[in-house]
């Protein structure tokens, strides 16, 4: 398992975002590194956890629980076959393009060591938006991506440090519960009846997902 590509985005104007200045950092491109990774601060204030990476709409993106976004090269390859087009590493707006790692099958609370310094913890899956759809230029993309159920993972920074393309990835800890990234994604999108089971992931789960699960349970009681 390794970090195949480390990707950073620069602010670009897009007609597909509701960010006040119409800016997005979704167009991420590979860099050699090393690049520092650190907790950026609370959502709404903190942006990306990856130095030099733009997060323009901090109301929806960035912050400690969405500090880093990872997507598997294997899943990009699967989309290449389905869409009939080339998808470069970083094409989905991911900071980390991994190789040999089942990112959407990772469990919430799973911890990865990347290189010799950085430790990240899985918090939730990525919810697709119209900016993502506009960036790819694929009609009905939000629906198609949701149906696939392999959203990639957001991660928080447990131990900061520097990473670069080619660094090995080690799974340091894998929790003993059923809540994978894919499970969490399906629960908050298409299979709401799964929401109560998300709470088995504990505090490692993104606070917004915890709130959604508890609200659902309150309505059912």
N, C-alpha and C. Protein backbone atom coordinates (compact mmCIF):
# COMPACT_ATOMS: atom_id res chain seq x y z
N UNK A 1 0.85 -1.19 0.00
CA UNK A 1 0.00 0.00 0.00
C UNK A 1 0.89 1.24 0.00
N UNK A 2 0.54 2.18 -0.87
CA UNK A 2 1.37 3.38 -0.92
C UNK A 2 0.57 4.59 -1.38
N UNK A 3 1.17 5.76 -1.16
CA UNK A 3 0.63 7.02 -1.66
C UNK A 3 1.12 7.18 -3.09
N UNK A 4 0.25 6.89 -4.02
CA UNK A 4 0.63 6.94 -5.43
C UNK A 4 0.84 8.37 -5.90
N UNK A 5 -0.05 9.28 -5.45
CA UNK A 5 0.02 10.67 -5.89
C UNK A 5 -0.47 11.59 -4.78
N UNK A 6 0.23 12.69 -4.58
CA UNK A 6 -0.14 13.73 -3.63
C UNK A 6 -0.59 14.94 -4.45
N UNK A 7 -1.84 15.40 -4.23
CA UNK A 7 -2.46 16.37 -5.14
C UNK A 7 -2.92 17.62 -4.41
N UNK A 8 -2.60 18.77 -5.00
CA UNK A 8 -2.99 20.07 -4.44
C UNK A 8 -3.82 20.85 -5.45
N UNK A 9 -4.74 21.66 -4.93
CA UNK A 9 -5.57 22.50 -5.79
C UNK A 9 -5.29 23.97 -5.57
N UNK A 10 -5.44 24.74 -6.64
CA UNK A 10 -5.34 26.20 -6.57
C UNK A 10 -6.72 26.79 -6.81
N UNK A 11 -7.04 27.94 -6.24
CA UNK A 11 -8.37 28.53 -6.46
C UNK A 11 -8.62 28.83 -7.93
N UNK A 12 -9.78 28.39 -8.41
CA UNK A 12 -10.18 28.67 -9.78
C UNK A 12 -11.64 29.09 -9.81
N UNK A 13 -11.97 29.96 -10.73
CA UNK A 13 -13.36 30.40 -10.88
C UNK A 13 -14.18 29.29 -11.52
N UNK A 14 -15.37 29.06 -10.98
CA UNK A 14 -16.27 28.05 -11.53
C UNK A 14 -17.70 28.54 -11.46
N UNK A 15 -18.47 28.27 -12.48
CA UNK A 15 -19.89 28.62 -12.50
C UNK A 15 -20.72 27.61 -11.72
N UNK A 16 -20.08 26.54 -11.23
CA UNK A 16 -20.83 25.45 -10.62
C UNK A 16 -20.83 25.49 -9.09
N UNK A 17 -20.25 26.52 -8.51
CA UNK A 17 -20.21 26.62 -7.05
C UNK A 17 -21.02 27.81 -6.57
N UNK A 18 -21.56 27.70 -5.34
CA UNK A 18 -22.26 28.83 -4.73
C UNK A 18 -21.36 29.58 -3.75
N UNK A 19 -20.07 29.29 -3.81
CA UNK A 19 -19.12 30.06 -3.01
C UNK A 19 -19.21 31.52 -3.43
N UNK A 20 -19.22 32.47 -2.48
CA UNK A 20 -19.49 33.89 -2.80
C UNK A 20 -18.64 34.46 -3.93
N UNK A 21 -17.38 34.07 -4.00
CA UNK A 21 -16.52 34.60 -5.06
C UNK A 21 -16.42 33.65 -6.26
N UNK A 22 -17.25 32.61 -6.24
CA UNK A 22 -17.31 31.63 -7.33
C UNK A 22 -15.99 30.89 -7.51
N UNK A 23 -15.32 30.60 -6.39
CA UNK A 23 -14.02 29.93 -6.43
C UNK A 23 -14.13 28.49 -5.91
N UNK A 24 -13.31 27.63 -6.48
CA UNK A 24 -13.23 26.26 -6.01
C UNK A 24 -11.78 25.77 -6.10
N UNK A 25 -11.43 24.84 -5.22
CA UNK A 25 -10.10 24.23 -5.25
C UNK A 25 -10.16 22.77 -5.67
N UNK A 26 -11.25 22.36 -6.33
CA UNK A 26 -11.45 20.95 -6.65
C UNK A 26 -10.48 20.43 -7.71
N UNK A 27 -9.95 21.31 -8.53
CA UNK A 27 -9.05 20.90 -9.61
C UNK A 27 -7.65 20.68 -9.05
N UNK A 28 -7.40 19.48 -8.55
CA UNK A 28 -6.13 19.19 -7.87
C UNK A 28 -5.17 18.48 -8.82
N UNK A 29 -3.88 18.85 -8.70
CA UNK A 29 -2.84 18.31 -9.57
C UNK A 29 -1.71 17.71 -8.74
N UNK A 30 -1.08 16.65 -9.25
CA UNK A 30 0.01 15.99 -8.51
C UNK A 30 1.21 16.90 -8.28
N UNK A 31 1.82 16.76 -7.11
CA UNK A 31 3.07 17.44 -6.77
C UNK A 31 4.04 16.41 -6.19
N UNK A 32 5.32 16.72 -6.24
CA UNK A 32 6.32 15.78 -5.74
C UNK A 32 6.42 15.79 -4.21
N UNK A 33 6.31 16.98 -3.63
CA UNK A 33 6.47 17.08 -2.19
C UNK A 33 7.95 17.23 -1.83
N UNK A 34 8.29 17.16 -0.55
CA UNK A 34 7.38 16.88 0.55
C UNK A 34 6.43 18.03 0.85
N UNK A 35 5.27 17.68 1.39
CA UNK A 35 4.24 18.64 1.76
C UNK A 35 3.82 18.37 3.20
N UNK A 36 3.65 19.44 3.96
CA UNK A 36 3.27 19.28 5.37
C UNK A 36 1.77 19.07 5.50
N UNK A 37 1.42 18.17 6.40
CA UNK A 37 0.02 17.87 6.73
C UNK A 37 -0.18 18.14 8.21
N UNK A 38 -1.24 18.92 8.53
CA UNK A 38 -1.52 19.27 9.93
C UNK A 38 -3.00 19.58 10.07
N UNK A 39 -3.51 19.48 11.30
CA UNK A 39 -4.91 19.80 11.56
C UNK A 39 -5.15 21.27 11.24
N UNK A 40 -6.18 21.59 10.42
CA UNK A 40 -6.38 22.97 9.99
C UNK A 40 -7.23 23.83 10.92
N UNK A 41 -7.94 23.21 11.88
CA UNK A 41 -8.85 23.96 12.73
C UNK A 41 -10.29 23.61 12.42
N UNK A 42 -11.23 24.15 13.19
CA UNK A 42 -12.64 23.78 13.06
C UNK A 42 -13.21 24.11 11.68
N UNK A 43 -14.21 23.33 11.28
CA UNK A 43 -14.89 23.59 10.03
C UNK A 43 -15.53 24.98 10.07
N UNK A 44 -15.44 25.66 8.94
CA UNK A 44 -15.93 27.03 8.87
C UNK A 44 -14.83 28.05 9.08
N UNK A 45 -13.75 27.60 9.73
CA UNK A 45 -12.58 28.45 9.96
C UNK A 45 -11.36 27.83 9.29
N UNK A 46 -11.10 26.56 9.63
CA UNK A 46 -9.98 25.85 9.03
C UNK A 46 -10.31 25.41 7.61
N UNK A 47 -9.29 25.29 6.79
CA UNK A 47 -9.48 24.88 5.41
C UNK A 47 -8.89 23.48 5.21
N UNK A 48 -7.93 23.35 4.33
CA UNK A 48 -7.32 22.04 4.08
C UNK A 48 -6.24 21.74 5.11
N UNK A 49 -6.06 20.44 5.38
CA UNK A 49 -4.97 20.03 6.25
C UNK A 49 -3.67 19.82 5.50
N UNK A 50 -3.70 20.01 4.18
CA UNK A 50 -2.53 19.82 3.34
C UNK A 50 -2.00 21.18 2.91
N UNK A 51 -0.78 21.51 3.28
CA UNK A 51 -0.20 22.82 3.00
C UNK A 51 -0.20 23.09 1.49
N UNK A 52 -0.67 24.29 1.13
CA UNK A 52 -0.67 24.69 -0.26
C UNK A 52 -1.92 24.28 -1.02
N UNK A 53 -2.84 23.59 -0.36
CA UNK A 53 -4.07 23.12 -1.01
C UNK A 53 -5.21 24.08 -0.71
N UNK A 54 -5.95 24.47 -1.73
CA UNK A 54 -7.02 25.44 -1.57
C UNK A 54 -8.34 24.75 -1.21
N UNK A 55 -8.97 25.21 -0.15
CA UNK A 55 -10.37 24.90 0.15
C UNK A 55 -11.08 26.24 0.20
N UNK A 56 -11.92 26.49 -0.78
CA UNK A 56 -12.50 27.83 -0.94
C UNK A 56 -13.83 28.01 -0.23
N UNK A 57 -14.60 26.93 -0.11
CA UNK A 57 -15.94 27.03 0.48
C UNK A 57 -15.93 26.33 1.83
N UNK A 58 -15.45 27.04 2.84
CA UNK A 58 -15.23 26.41 4.14
C UNK A 58 -16.52 26.11 4.89
N UNK A 59 -17.66 26.59 4.40
CA UNK A 59 -18.93 26.22 5.03
C UNK A 59 -19.23 24.74 4.79
N UNK A 60 -18.79 24.21 3.66
CA UNK A 60 -19.07 22.82 3.30
C UNK A 60 -17.84 21.92 3.36
N UNK A 61 -16.66 22.49 3.22
CA UNK A 61 -15.45 21.68 3.05
C UNK A 61 -14.37 22.09 4.05
N UNK A 62 -13.42 21.18 4.23
CA UNK A 62 -12.29 21.49 5.09
C UNK A 62 -12.61 21.38 6.57
N UNK A 63 -11.68 21.82 7.39
CA UNK A 63 -11.81 21.70 8.84
C UNK A 63 -11.20 20.39 9.33
N UNK A 64 -11.10 20.26 10.63
CA UNK A 64 -10.38 19.14 11.23
C UNK A 64 -10.90 17.77 10.81
N UNK A 65 -12.22 17.62 10.66
CA UNK A 65 -12.79 16.31 10.36
C UNK A 65 -12.80 16.01 8.86
N UNK A 66 -12.46 16.99 8.04
CA UNK A 66 -12.34 16.80 6.60
C UNK A 66 -11.02 17.43 6.13
N UNK A 67 -9.97 17.13 6.88
CA UNK A 67 -8.69 17.79 6.64
C UNK A 67 -8.01 17.29 5.38
N UNK A 68 -8.21 16.00 5.07
CA UNK A 68 -7.55 15.36 3.95
C UNK A 68 -8.56 14.44 3.27
N UNK A 69 -8.55 14.41 1.93
CA UNK A 69 -9.46 13.53 1.20
C UNK A 69 -8.65 12.52 0.40
N UNK A 70 -9.00 11.23 0.55
CA UNK A 70 -8.29 10.15 -0.13
C UNK A 70 -9.24 9.39 -1.06
N UNK A 71 -8.69 8.97 -2.20
CA UNK A 71 -9.45 8.16 -3.15
C UNK A 71 -8.51 7.12 -3.75
N UNK A 72 -9.02 5.93 -3.95
CA UNK A 72 -8.20 4.82 -4.45
C UNK A 72 -8.01 4.90 -5.96
N UNK A 73 -6.78 4.69 -6.40
CA UNK A 73 -6.50 4.65 -7.84
C UNK A 73 -7.32 3.55 -8.51
N UNK A 74 -7.53 2.45 -7.79
CA UNK A 74 -8.31 1.35 -8.34
C UNK A 74 -9.75 1.78 -8.65
N UNK A 75 -10.32 2.65 -7.81
CA UNK A 75 -11.67 3.14 -8.07
C UNK A 75 -11.69 4.15 -9.22
N UNK A 76 -10.63 4.96 -9.33
CA UNK A 76 -10.51 5.83 -10.49
C UNK A 76 -10.43 5.00 -11.78
N UNK A 77 -9.67 3.91 -11.74
CA UNK A 77 -9.56 3.04 -12.91
C UNK A 77 -10.92 2.44 -13.28
N UNK A 78 -11.69 2.08 -12.26
CA UNK A 78 -13.03 1.54 -12.51
C UNK A 78 -13.92 2.58 -13.19
N UNK A 79 -13.82 3.82 -12.72
CA UNK A 79 -14.59 4.91 -13.36
C UNK A 79 -14.09 5.19 -14.78
N UNK A 80 -12.80 5.07 -15.00
CA UNK A 80 -12.28 5.24 -16.36
C UNK A 80 -12.96 4.27 -17.32
N UNK A 81 -13.07 3.02 -16.91
CA UNK A 81 -13.70 2.02 -17.77
C UNK A 81 -15.17 2.33 -17.99
N UNK A 82 -15.85 2.78 -16.94
CA UNK A 82 -17.28 3.07 -17.05
C UNK A 82 -17.56 4.32 -17.89
N UNK A 83 -16.73 5.33 -17.71
CA UNK A 83 -16.96 6.60 -18.41
C UNK A 83 -16.31 6.65 -19.78
N UNK A 84 -15.35 5.77 -20.02
CA UNK A 84 -14.67 5.77 -21.30
C UNK A 84 -13.77 6.97 -21.51
N UNK A 85 -13.11 7.39 -20.43
CA UNK A 85 -12.21 8.54 -20.50
C UNK A 85 -11.10 8.39 -19.48
N UNK A 86 -10.01 9.09 -19.70
CA UNK A 86 -8.88 9.06 -18.77
C UNK A 86 -9.16 9.95 -17.58
N UNK A 87 -8.82 9.47 -16.39
CA UNK A 87 -8.96 10.24 -15.16
C UNK A 87 -7.61 10.28 -14.47
N UNK A 88 -6.98 11.44 -14.48
CA UNK A 88 -5.68 11.59 -13.83
C UNK A 88 -5.84 11.51 -12.32
N UNK A 89 -4.79 11.13 -11.64
CA UNK A 89 -4.80 11.19 -10.18
C UNK A 89 -5.07 12.63 -9.76
N UNK A 90 -6.00 12.80 -8.80
CA UNK A 90 -6.45 14.12 -8.40
C UNK A 90 -7.71 14.56 -9.09
N UNK A 91 -8.18 13.80 -10.08
CA UNK A 91 -9.34 14.20 -10.89
C UNK A 91 -10.62 14.33 -10.08
N UNK A 92 -10.72 13.60 -8.98
CA UNK A 92 -11.92 13.67 -8.15
C UNK A 92 -11.75 14.68 -7.00
N UNK A 93 -10.69 15.47 -7.07
CA UNK A 93 -10.45 16.46 -6.03
C UNK A 93 -9.82 15.88 -4.79
N UNK A 94 -9.22 14.68 -4.94
CA UNK A 94 -8.61 14.05 -3.78
C UNK A 94 -7.18 14.56 -3.56
N UNK A 95 -6.82 14.69 -2.29
CA UNK A 95 -5.44 15.03 -1.93
C UNK A 95 -4.52 13.83 -2.06
N UNK A 96 -5.04 12.66 -1.70
CA UNK A 96 -4.25 11.44 -1.70
C UNK A 96 -4.86 10.45 -2.67
N UNK A 97 -4.11 10.07 -3.69
CA UNK A 97 -4.51 8.96 -4.55
C UNK A 97 -3.70 7.76 -4.10
N UNK A 98 -4.39 6.74 -3.60
CA UNK A 98 -3.71 5.60 -3.00
C UNK A 98 -3.64 4.43 -3.97
N UNK A 99 -2.72 3.50 -3.66
CA UNK A 99 -2.60 2.27 -4.44
C UNK A 99 -2.54 1.10 -3.47
N UNK A 100 -3.37 0.09 -3.71
CA UNK A 100 -3.35 -1.11 -2.88
C UNK A 100 -4.14 -0.99 -1.60
N UNK A 101 -4.95 0.04 -1.45
CA UNK A 101 -5.70 0.30 -0.22
C UNK A 101 -7.19 0.44 -0.55
N UNK A 102 -8.03 -0.32 0.12
CA UNK A 102 -9.49 -0.23 -0.08
C UNK A 102 -10.01 0.95 0.73
N UNK A 103 -9.99 2.12 0.12
CA UNK A 103 -10.32 3.35 0.84
C UNK A 103 -11.78 3.36 1.29
N UNK A 104 -12.71 3.05 0.40
CA UNK A 104 -14.12 3.08 0.78
C UNK A 104 -14.50 1.92 1.69
N UNK A 105 -13.65 0.89 1.73
CA UNK A 105 -13.85 -0.22 2.65
C UNK A 105 -13.19 -0.01 4.00
N UNK A 106 -12.49 1.10 4.15
CA UNK A 106 -11.87 1.42 5.45
C UNK A 106 -12.95 1.67 6.49
N UNK A 107 -12.64 1.36 7.73
CA UNK A 107 -13.61 1.58 8.81
C UNK A 107 -13.44 2.97 9.40
N UNK A 108 -14.56 3.55 9.81
CA UNK A 108 -14.51 4.83 10.52
C UNK A 108 -13.67 4.63 11.79
N UNK A 109 -12.68 5.49 11.97
CA UNK A 109 -11.76 5.35 13.09
C UNK A 109 -10.49 4.59 12.74
N UNK A 110 -10.43 4.05 11.54
CA UNK A 110 -9.21 3.38 11.08
C UNK A 110 -8.08 4.41 10.96
N UNK A 111 -6.89 4.00 11.38
CA UNK A 111 -5.75 4.93 11.34
C UNK A 111 -4.69 4.45 10.37
N UNK A 112 -4.21 5.38 9.57
CA UNK A 112 -3.16 5.09 8.59
C UNK A 112 -1.91 5.90 8.93
N UNK A 113 -0.77 5.26 8.86
CA UNK A 113 0.50 5.97 8.88
C UNK A 113 0.99 6.11 7.45
N UNK A 114 1.30 7.34 7.06
CA UNK A 114 1.82 7.60 5.73
C UNK A 114 3.25 8.12 5.88
N UNK A 115 4.20 7.42 5.25
CA UNK A 115 5.59 7.78 5.46
C UNK A 115 6.02 7.49 6.88
N UNK A 116 6.91 8.30 7.40
CA UNK A 116 7.46 8.04 8.73
C UNK A 116 6.84 8.91 9.83
N UNK A 117 6.02 9.90 9.46
CA UNK A 117 5.56 10.87 10.45
C UNK A 117 4.05 10.95 10.58
N UNK A 118 3.34 11.02 9.48
CA UNK A 118 1.93 11.41 9.50
C UNK A 118 1.02 10.23 9.86
N UNK A 119 0.07 10.49 10.77
CA UNK A 119 -0.99 9.53 11.09
C UNK A 119 -2.33 10.21 10.86
N UNK A 120 -3.18 9.56 10.07
CA UNK A 120 -4.50 10.08 9.75
C UNK A 120 -5.56 9.09 10.23
N UNK A 121 -6.78 9.62 10.52
CA UNK A 121 -7.88 8.78 10.98
C UNK A 121 -9.10 9.02 10.11
N UNK A 122 -9.72 7.94 9.66
CA UNK A 122 -10.89 8.00 8.78
C UNK A 122 -12.11 8.51 9.55
N UNK A 123 -12.82 9.48 8.97
CA UNK A 123 -13.98 10.06 9.64
C UNK A 123 -15.30 9.86 8.91
N UNK A 124 -15.30 9.85 7.57
CA UNK A 124 -16.55 9.77 6.82
C UNK A 124 -16.26 9.68 5.33
N UNK A 125 -17.31 9.46 4.55
CA UNK A 125 -17.20 9.48 3.11
C UNK A 125 -17.51 10.85 2.53
N UNK A 126 -17.16 11.03 1.27
CA UNK A 126 -17.37 12.30 0.58
C UNK A 126 -18.77 12.32 -0.06
N UNK A 127 -19.53 13.38 0.22
CA UNK A 127 -20.85 13.56 -0.38
C UNK A 127 -20.67 14.36 -1.67
N UNK A 128 -21.14 13.85 -2.81
CA UNK A 128 -20.95 14.58 -4.07
C UNK A 128 -21.82 15.82 -4.15
N UNK A 129 -21.36 16.81 -4.89
CA UNK A 129 -22.07 18.08 -5.00
C UNK A 129 -22.06 18.55 -6.46
N UNK A 130 -22.78 19.63 -6.74
CA UNK A 130 -22.85 20.14 -8.10
C UNK A 130 -21.51 20.69 -8.59
N UNK A 131 -20.67 21.15 -7.67
CA UNK A 131 -19.33 21.59 -8.07
C UNK A 131 -18.53 20.41 -8.64
N UNK A 132 -18.62 19.27 -7.96
CA UNK A 132 -17.98 18.04 -8.41
C UNK A 132 -18.51 17.64 -9.80
N UNK A 133 -19.83 17.69 -9.95
CA UNK A 133 -20.45 17.34 -11.22
C UNK A 133 -20.00 18.28 -12.33
N UNK A 134 -19.97 19.58 -12.04
CA UNK A 134 -19.55 20.54 -13.05
C UNK A 134 -18.08 20.39 -13.41
N UNK A 135 -17.27 20.07 -12.42
CA UNK A 135 -15.83 19.88 -12.65
C UNK A 135 -15.58 18.72 -13.61
N UNK A 136 -16.33 17.63 -13.45
CA UNK A 136 -16.14 16.48 -14.32
C UNK A 136 -16.87 16.62 -15.65
N UNK A 137 -17.94 17.43 -15.65
CA UNK A 137 -18.69 17.60 -16.89
C UNK A 137 -19.48 16.37 -17.29
N UNK A 138 -19.92 15.59 -16.29
CA UNK A 138 -20.70 14.39 -16.55
C UNK A 138 -22.15 14.61 -16.11
N UNK A 139 -23.07 14.46 -17.03
CA UNK A 139 -24.49 14.63 -16.73
C UNK A 139 -24.95 13.58 -15.73
N UNK A 140 -25.72 14.02 -14.74
CA UNK A 140 -26.23 13.10 -13.73
C UNK A 140 -25.17 12.52 -12.83
N UNK A 141 -24.03 13.21 -12.71
CA UNK A 141 -22.90 12.67 -11.98
C UNK A 141 -23.19 12.44 -10.51
N UNK A 142 -23.88 13.37 -9.85
CA UNK A 142 -24.16 13.21 -8.42
C UNK A 142 -24.92 11.91 -8.17
N UNK A 143 -25.91 11.65 -8.99
CA UNK A 143 -26.69 10.42 -8.84
C UNK A 143 -25.84 9.18 -9.12
N UNK A 144 -25.03 9.23 -10.17
CA UNK A 144 -24.20 8.07 -10.53
C UNK A 144 -23.16 7.77 -9.45
N UNK A 145 -22.51 8.81 -8.96
CA UNK A 145 -21.49 8.64 -7.92
C UNK A 145 -22.12 8.08 -6.65
N UNK A 146 -23.30 8.58 -6.31
CA UNK A 146 -24.00 8.10 -5.11
C UNK A 146 -24.38 6.64 -5.25
N UNK A 147 -24.87 6.27 -6.41
CA UNK A 147 -25.29 4.89 -6.64
C UNK A 147 -24.11 3.91 -6.52
N UNK A 148 -22.93 4.33 -6.93
CA UNK A 148 -21.74 3.48 -6.86
C UNK A 148 -21.38 3.13 -5.42
N UNK A 149 -21.55 4.07 -4.50
CA UNK A 149 -21.30 3.78 -3.09
C UNK A 149 -19.85 3.63 -2.70
N UNK A 150 -18.94 4.18 -3.50
CA UNK A 150 -17.50 4.13 -3.18
C UNK A 150 -16.97 5.56 -3.18
N UNK A 151 -17.23 6.31 -2.10
CA UNK A 151 -17.03 7.76 -2.12
C UNK A 151 -15.63 8.25 -1.79
N UNK A 152 -14.72 7.34 -1.41
CA UNK A 152 -13.45 7.81 -0.88
C UNK A 152 -13.63 8.31 0.54
N UNK A 153 -12.53 8.60 1.21
CA UNK A 153 -12.59 8.89 2.65
C UNK A 153 -12.01 10.25 3.00
N UNK A 154 -12.71 10.94 3.90
CA UNK A 154 -12.15 12.10 4.58
C UNK A 154 -11.42 11.61 5.82
N UNK A 155 -10.35 12.34 6.18
CA UNK A 155 -9.54 11.95 7.33
C UNK A 155 -9.17 13.16 8.17
N UNK A 156 -9.02 12.92 9.48
CA UNK A 156 -8.49 13.93 10.39
C UNK A 156 -7.02 13.64 10.63
N UNK A 157 -6.28 14.67 11.04
CA UNK A 157 -4.85 14.52 11.30
C UNK A 157 -4.63 14.21 12.77
N UNK A 158 -4.05 13.05 13.04
CA UNK A 158 -3.73 12.65 14.41
C UNK A 158 -2.30 13.06 14.76
N UNK A 159 -1.37 12.80 13.85
CA UNK A 159 0.02 13.20 14.02
C UNK A 159 0.46 13.93 12.76
N UNK A 160 0.85 15.20 12.87
CA UNK A 160 1.24 15.98 11.69
C UNK A 160 2.65 15.61 11.21
N UNK A 161 2.98 16.08 10.06
CA UNK A 161 4.31 15.85 9.51
C UNK A 161 4.31 16.06 8.01
N UNK A 162 5.32 15.54 7.35
CA UNK A 162 5.45 15.70 5.91
C UNK A 162 5.24 14.37 5.19
N UNK A 163 4.61 14.47 4.02
CA UNK A 163 4.42 13.30 3.16
C UNK A 163 4.81 13.66 1.74
N UNK A 164 5.01 12.62 0.93
CA UNK A 164 5.31 12.84 -0.47
C UNK A 164 4.85 11.62 -1.26
N UNK A 165 4.67 11.81 -2.57
CA UNK A 165 4.28 10.71 -3.43
C UNK A 165 5.29 9.56 -3.31
N UNK A 166 4.77 8.35 -3.25
CA UNK A 166 5.62 7.17 -3.10
C UNK A 166 5.74 6.67 -1.68
N UNK A 167 5.30 7.47 -0.68
CA UNK A 167 5.38 7.03 0.71
C UNK A 167 4.54 5.77 0.94
N UNK A 168 5.04 4.85 1.76
CA UNK A 168 4.23 3.68 2.12
C UNK A 168 3.08 4.08 3.04
N UNK A 169 2.00 3.32 2.96
CA UNK A 169 0.85 3.50 3.84
C UNK A 169 0.69 2.23 4.67
N UNK A 170 0.57 2.40 5.97
CA UNK A 170 0.39 1.28 6.89
C UNK A 170 -0.90 1.48 7.66
N UNK A 171 -1.73 0.45 7.73
CA UNK A 171 -2.92 0.51 8.59
C UNK A 171 -2.48 0.19 10.01
N UNK A 172 -2.50 1.20 10.87
CA UNK A 172 -2.03 1.05 12.24
C UNK A 172 -3.11 0.48 13.16
N UNK A 173 -4.37 0.81 12.87
CA UNK A 173 -5.48 0.40 13.74
C UNK A 173 -6.73 0.26 12.90
N UNK A 174 -7.45 -0.84 13.08
CA UNK A 174 -8.72 -1.06 12.39
C UNK A 174 -9.76 -1.44 13.43
N UNK A 175 -10.75 -0.58 13.67
CA UNK A 175 -11.71 -0.81 14.75
C UNK A 175 -12.54 -2.08 14.55
N UNK A 176 -13.09 -2.56 15.63
CA UNK A 176 -13.91 -3.77 15.63
C UNK A 176 -15.39 -3.39 15.59
N UNK A 177 -15.83 -2.80 14.49
CA UNK A 177 -17.25 -2.52 14.26
C UNK A 177 -17.52 -2.63 12.77
N UNK A 178 -18.76 -2.51 12.37
CA UNK A 178 -19.15 -2.74 10.97
C UNK A 178 -19.13 -1.49 10.10
N UNK A 179 -18.87 -0.32 10.68
CA UNK A 179 -19.11 0.93 9.97
C UNK A 179 -17.92 1.31 9.08
N UNK A 180 -18.00 0.88 7.84
CA UNK A 180 -17.01 1.29 6.85
C UNK A 180 -17.41 2.64 6.25
N UNK A 181 -16.52 3.21 5.48
CA UNK A 181 -16.82 4.46 4.78
C UNK A 181 -18.02 4.28 3.87
N UNK A 182 -18.05 3.18 3.13
CA UNK A 182 -19.18 2.92 2.23
C UNK A 182 -20.48 2.77 3.01
N UNK A 183 -20.44 2.07 4.14
CA UNK A 183 -21.62 1.90 4.99
C UNK A 183 -22.14 3.26 5.47
N UNK A 184 -21.22 4.09 5.96
CA UNK A 184 -21.60 5.42 6.44
C UNK A 184 -22.20 6.26 5.31
N UNK A 185 -21.61 6.19 4.13
CA UNK A 185 -22.10 6.94 2.98
C UNK A 185 -23.51 6.51 2.60
N UNK A 186 -23.75 5.20 2.55
CA UNK A 186 -25.08 4.72 2.20
C UNK A 186 -26.10 5.13 3.26
N UNK A 187 -25.67 5.13 4.51
CA UNK A 187 -26.59 5.51 5.59
C UNK A 187 -27.06 6.95 5.47
N UNK A 188 -26.17 7.85 5.09
CA UNK A 188 -26.55 9.27 5.04
C UNK A 188 -27.11 9.68 3.68
N UNK A 189 -27.13 8.74 2.71
CA UNK A 189 -27.66 9.07 1.38
C UNK A 189 -28.87 8.23 1.01
N UNK A 190 -28.67 6.98 0.70
CA UNK A 190 -29.74 6.16 0.10
C UNK A 190 -30.38 5.14 1.04
N UNK A 191 -29.74 4.84 2.16
CA UNK A 191 -30.26 3.80 3.06
C UNK A 191 -30.34 4.36 4.49
N UNK A 192 -31.25 5.28 4.69
CA UNK A 192 -31.33 5.99 5.96
C UNK A 192 -31.62 5.08 7.15
N UNK A 193 -32.21 3.93 6.89
CA UNK A 193 -32.50 3.01 7.98
C UNK A 193 -31.23 2.49 8.65
N UNK A 194 -30.08 2.68 8.01
CA UNK A 194 -28.81 2.27 8.60
C UNK A 194 -28.26 3.29 9.60
N UNK A 195 -28.84 4.46 9.64
CA UNK A 195 -28.27 5.55 10.45
C UNK A 195 -28.03 5.19 11.92
N UNK A 196 -28.95 4.53 12.61
CA UNK A 196 -28.67 4.23 14.03
C UNK A 196 -27.42 3.39 14.22
N UNK A 197 -27.09 2.56 13.25
CA UNK A 197 -25.92 1.67 13.38
C UNK A 197 -24.59 2.42 13.23
N UNK A 198 -24.65 3.66 12.72
CA UNK A 198 -23.43 4.45 12.61
C UNK A 198 -22.82 4.77 13.96
N UNK A 199 -23.65 4.85 14.99
CA UNK A 199 -23.17 5.28 16.30
C UNK A 199 -22.18 4.29 16.92
N UNK A 200 -22.12 3.08 16.36
CA UNK A 200 -21.13 2.10 16.84
C UNK A 200 -19.71 2.58 16.59
N UNK A 201 -19.54 3.52 15.66
CA UNK A 201 -18.20 4.04 15.35
C UNK A 201 -17.72 5.04 16.40
N UNK A 202 -18.61 5.50 17.28
CA UNK A 202 -18.21 6.39 18.36
C UNK A 202 -17.76 7.76 17.89
N UNK A 203 -16.88 8.37 18.67
CA UNK A 203 -16.45 9.74 18.41
C UNK A 203 -15.55 9.87 17.19
N UNK A 204 -15.10 8.76 16.63
CA UNK A 204 -14.30 8.84 15.41
C UNK A 204 -15.14 9.30 14.22
N UNK A 205 -16.45 9.08 14.29
CA UNK A 205 -17.35 9.48 13.22
C UNK A 205 -17.45 11.00 13.15
N UNK A 206 -17.56 11.52 11.94
CA UNK A 206 -17.71 12.97 11.74
C UNK A 206 -18.89 13.47 12.57
N UNK A 207 -18.75 14.57 13.32
CA UNK A 207 -19.84 15.06 14.17
C UNK A 207 -21.15 15.30 13.42
N UNK A 208 -21.09 15.69 12.15
CA UNK A 208 -22.32 15.92 11.39
C UNK A 208 -23.06 14.61 11.16
N UNK A 209 -22.33 13.53 10.97
CA UNK A 209 -22.97 12.22 10.79
C UNK A 209 -23.57 11.73 12.10
N UNK A 210 -22.89 11.99 13.20
CA UNK A 210 -23.45 11.66 14.52
C UNK A 210 -24.76 12.40 14.74
N UNK A 211 -24.76 13.68 14.42
CA UNK A 211 -25.97 14.50 14.59
C UNK A 211 -27.10 13.99 13.71
N UNK A 212 -26.79 13.61 12.48
CA UNK A 212 -27.80 13.10 11.56
C UNK A 212 -28.40 11.80 12.09
N UNK A 213 -27.55 10.92 12.60
CA UNK A 213 -28.02 9.64 13.13
C UNK A 213 -28.91 9.84 14.35
N UNK A 214 -28.52 10.71 15.23
CA UNK A 214 -29.31 10.95 16.45
C UNK A 214 -30.63 11.62 16.12
N UNK A 215 -30.64 12.53 15.16
CA UNK A 215 -31.88 13.17 14.76
C UNK A 215 -32.86 12.16 14.15
N UNK A 216 -32.31 11.26 13.35
CA UNK A 216 -33.15 10.21 12.75
C UNK A 216 -33.76 9.34 13.83
N UNK A 217 -32.95 8.95 14.81
CA UNK A 217 -33.46 8.10 15.89
C UNK A 217 -34.51 8.82 16.71
N UNK A 218 -34.36 10.10 16.91
CA UNK A 218 -35.34 10.87 17.67
C UNK A 218 -36.68 10.92 16.94
N UNK A 219 -36.62 11.04 15.62
CA UNK A 219 -37.86 11.07 14.84
C UNK A 219 -38.56 9.72 14.84
N UNK A 220 -37.80 8.64 14.95
CA UNK A 220 -38.38 7.30 14.92
C UNK A 220 -38.97 6.88 16.26
N UNK A 221 -38.56 7.54 17.33
CA UNK A 221 -39.01 7.14 18.66
C UNK A 221 -40.36 7.77 19.01
